[in-house]
Amino acid sequence: MRNTIPIIVVIAATVIYIMLAMPENDLTKNVKIQPGDSVMEKVNIYRSTDTKIVWRAKVNRLILEDNRKAAKIDGIEADFPEKSITVKAKSGLYDFSNNTITVDSDMLAYNKDAQITSKDIYVDFKTQTVSSKSGVTITGKNYTVTADSFNSSNGDNVTLNGNVKVVYN
């Protein structure tokens, strides 16, 4: 028994040393989280009714804050099948209490007919509205439209505000 105790101690010390010397795991690399926060990576999110998928999103990283009232989103791509629209953004914040997303980076939305770029987008899922006060560019096959801001209701009507400019190609 005396001979096995030193062997067990050496094995345990070796295992602990190897674990401490191992490189960082990809899941924790460059993740800045606060105590109590939770991190999820490569998340798929679906919103549906009884008969169809309303939207689906792929999120690279979601950091659920300790207060559980908001989630920081990194790398999002959302698809709205009924409207054939895809939206991509680098980062944003989902607020659970009022069901909104604030995109704090450049956003790209596109369908088969046009591409929309903007930043600082605000999406309210309750009222089905999207808005930005940081400018917008809409590019189609034969035209480009720019404006200082926009509001959209239900994705059907878009109101462009301030310095609206249309250029036909």
Protein backbone atom coordinates (compact mmCIF):
# COMPACT_ATOMS: atom_id res chain seq x y z
CA MET A 1 0.00 0.00 0.00
CA ARG A 2 2.88 2.36 0.80
CA ASN A 3 4.28 1.92 -2.73
CA THR A 4 0.96 2.78 -4.42
CA ILE A 5 0.43 6.12 -2.65
CA PRO A 6 3.44 7.82 -4.32
CA ILE A 7 2.36 6.44 -7.72
CA ILE A 8 -1.20 7.80 -7.26
CA VAL A 9 0.19 11.20 -6.17
CA VAL A 10 2.49 11.32 -9.23
CA ILE A 11 -0.35 10.37 -11.59
CA ALA A 12 -2.72 12.94 -10.03
CA ALA A 13 -0.06 15.66 -10.22
CA THR A 14 0.67 14.76 -13.86
CA VAL A 15 -3.03 14.91 -14.82
CA ILE A 16 -3.46 18.29 -13.08
CA TYR A 17 -0.32 19.65 -14.78
CA ILE A 18 -1.52 18.48 -18.23
CA MET A 19 -4.97 20.03 -17.67
CA LEU A 20 -3.44 23.37 -16.64
CA ALA A 21 -0.94 23.35 -19.51
CA MET A 22 -3.54 22.59 -22.20
CA PRO A 23 -4.37 25.44 -24.60
CA GLU A 24 -7.65 27.31 -24.16
CA ASN A 25 -10.77 25.63 -25.43
CA ASP A 26 -12.37 27.39 -28.46
CA LEU A 27 -15.57 27.91 -26.48
CA THR A 28 -13.82 30.09 -23.90
CA LYS A 29 -11.31 31.82 -26.16
CA ASN A 30 -11.93 35.58 -26.38
CA VAL A 31 -15.20 35.34 -24.46
CA LYS A 32 -15.62 38.23 -22.05
CA ILE A 33 -18.33 37.25 -19.63
CA GLN A 34 -19.22 38.46 -16.17
CA PRO A 35 -19.67 36.12 -13.20
CA GLY A 36 -23.08 34.47 -13.47
CA ASP A 37 -23.45 34.97 -17.24
CA SER A 38 -24.01 31.97 -19.53
CA VAL A 39 -22.52 31.52 -23.02
CA MET A 40 -23.99 29.50 -25.87
CA GLU A 41 -22.32 29.04 -29.23
CA LYS A 42 -23.65 27.96 -32.63
CA VAL A 43 -27.30 28.39 -31.62
CA ASN A 44 -30.28 27.94 -33.96
CA ILE A 45 -33.45 29.82 -33.00
CA TYR A 46 -36.88 29.30 -34.59
CA ARG A 47 -40.09 31.31 -34.26
CA SER A 48 -43.21 29.63 -35.60
CA THR A 49 -46.97 29.60 -35.61
CA ASP A 50 -49.07 26.44 -35.72
CA THR A 51 -48.61 26.16 -39.47
CA LYS A 52 -45.31 27.81 -40.47
CA ILE A 53 -41.90 29.11 -39.46
CA VAL A 54 -42.10 32.90 -39.16
CA TRP A 55 -38.33 33.35 -38.84
CA ARG A 56 -35.22 31.39 -38.00
CA ALA A 57 -31.83 32.62 -36.88
CA LYS A 58 -28.32 31.25 -36.55
CA VAL A 59 -26.26 32.89 -33.82
CA ASN A 60 -22.52 32.33 -33.44
CA ARG A 61 -22.43 33.34 -29.77
CA LEU A 62 -25.14 34.31 -27.32
CA ILE A 63 -24.22 35.64 -23.88
CA LEU A 64 -27.15 35.45 -21.49
CA GLU A 65 -26.64 38.07 -18.79
CA ASP A 66 -27.02 37.14 -15.13
CA ASN A 67 -30.18 39.23 -14.74
CA ARG A 68 -31.76 37.16 -17.56
CA LYS A 69 -33.32 40.31 -19.04
CA ALA A 70 -31.05 40.56 -22.08
CA ALA A 71 -28.75 38.50 -24.29
CA LYS A 72 -25.73 39.82 -26.19
CA ILE A 73 -25.67 38.37 -29.70
CA ASP A 74 -22.51 37.96 -31.80
CA GLY A 75 -22.76 36.93 -35.44
CA ILE A 76 -26.40 36.61 -36.37
CA GLU A 77 -28.05 35.54 -39.61
CA ALA A 78 -31.86 35.59 -39.64
CA ASP A 79 -34.14 34.31 -42.37
CA PHE A 80 -37.79 35.30 -42.88
CA PRO A 81 -39.08 32.59 -45.29
CA GLU A 82 -42.50 34.13 -45.98
CA LYS A 83 -40.93 37.40 -47.16
CA SER A 84 -37.79 35.76 -48.64
CA ILE A 85 -35.58 38.13 -46.64
CA THR A 86 -32.24 37.34 -45.03
CA VAL A 87 -30.65 39.63 -42.43
CA LYS A 88 -27.03 39.52 -41.24
CA ALA A 89 -25.31 41.50 -38.49
CA LYS A 90 -22.12 41.28 -36.47
CA SER A 91 -23.61 42.04 -33.04
CA GLY A 92 -26.66 43.17 -31.12
CA LEU A 93 -28.65 42.93 -27.92
CA TYR A 94 -31.92 41.03 -27.44
CA ASP A 95 -34.08 42.46 -24.65
CA PHE A 96 -36.42 39.78 -23.27
CA SER A 97 -38.59 42.21 -21.28
CA ASN A 98 -39.85 44.14 -24.31
CA ASN A 99 -39.09 41.60 -27.09
CA THR A 100 -36.74 43.84 -29.06
CA ILE A 101 -33.35 43.58 -30.74
CA THR A 102 -30.95 46.47 -31.06
CA VAL A 103 -28.30 45.81 -33.70
CA ASP A 104 -25.23 47.88 -32.85
CA SER A 105 -23.19 47.03 -35.95
CA ASP A 106 -23.57 47.19 -39.72
CA MET A 107 -26.62 45.26 -40.86
CA LEU A 108 -27.23 43.74 -44.27
CA ALA A 109 -30.71 42.63 -45.36
CA TYR A 110 -31.45 41.25 -48.79
CA ASN A 111 -33.93 39.39 -50.94
CA LYS A 112 -33.97 38.52 -54.64
CA ASP A 113 -34.79 42.14 -55.61
CA ALA A 114 -32.77 44.43 -53.33
CA GLN A 115 -30.10 44.79 -50.67
CA ILE A 116 -30.42 47.08 -47.65
CA THR A 117 -27.49 48.22 -45.52
CA SER A 118 -27.72 50.25 -42.34
CA LYS A 119 -26.45 50.33 -38.78
CA ASP A 120 -27.93 50.78 -35.34
CA ILE A 121 -31.14 48.95 -36.22
CA TYR A 122 -33.98 48.62 -33.72
CA VAL A 123 -36.47 45.74 -34.16
CA ASP A 124 -39.68 45.53 -32.11
CA PHE A 125 -41.24 42.09 -32.51
CA LYS A 126 -44.46 43.07 -30.70
CA THR A 127 -45.30 45.88 -33.13
CA GLN A 128 -43.49 44.28 -36.11
CA THR A 129 -41.50 47.49 -36.73
CA VAL A 130 -37.91 48.08 -37.76
CA SER A 131 -36.16 51.45 -37.65
CA SER A 132 -32.77 53.13 -37.87
CA LYS A 133 -31.58 56.68 -37.26
CA SER A 134 -28.12 56.02 -38.71
CA GLY A 135 -28.81 56.09 -42.43
CA VAL A 136 -29.85 53.48 -44.93
CA THR A 137 -28.84 52.42 -48.44
CA ILE A 138 -31.15 50.33 -50.62
CA THR A 139 -29.58 48.89 -53.75
CA GLY A 140 -31.62 47.22 -56.48
CA LYS A 141 -30.82 46.00 -59.96
CA ASN A 142 -31.11 49.44 -61.58
CA TYR A 143 -31.22 51.87 -58.66
CA THR A 144 -29.70 53.02 -55.37
CA VAL A 145 -31.65 54.88 -52.68
CA THR A 146 -30.08 56.55 -49.65
CA ALA A 147 -31.68 58.32 -46.67
CA ASP A 148 -30.74 59.54 -43.19
CA SER A 149 -33.16 57.18 -41.42
CA PHE A 150 -36.04 54.79 -42.00
CA ASN A 151 -39.05 53.14 -40.38
CA SER A 152 -40.74 49.97 -41.55
CA SER A 153 -44.02 48.46 -40.43
CA ASN A 154 -44.64 44.73 -40.99
CA GLY A 155 -41.84 44.71 -43.56
CA ASP A 156 -44.33 45.87 -46.19
CA ASN A 157 -44.03 49.66 -46.00
CA VAL A 158 -40.76 51.52 -45.60
CA THR A 159 -40.69 55.24 -44.83
CA LEU A 160 -37.41 56.97 -45.71
CA ASN A 161 -36.61 60.18 -43.84
CA GLY A 162 -34.15 63.05 -44.37
CA ASN A 163 -31.97 63.66 -47.44
CA VAL A 164 -33.61 60.94 -49.54
CA LYS A 165 -31.67 60.43 -52.78
CA VAL A 166 -32.53 58.10 -55.68
CA VAL A 167 -29.99 57.25 -58.37
CA TYR A 168 -30.98 55.17 -61.41
CA ASN A 169 -28.23 53.16 -63.07
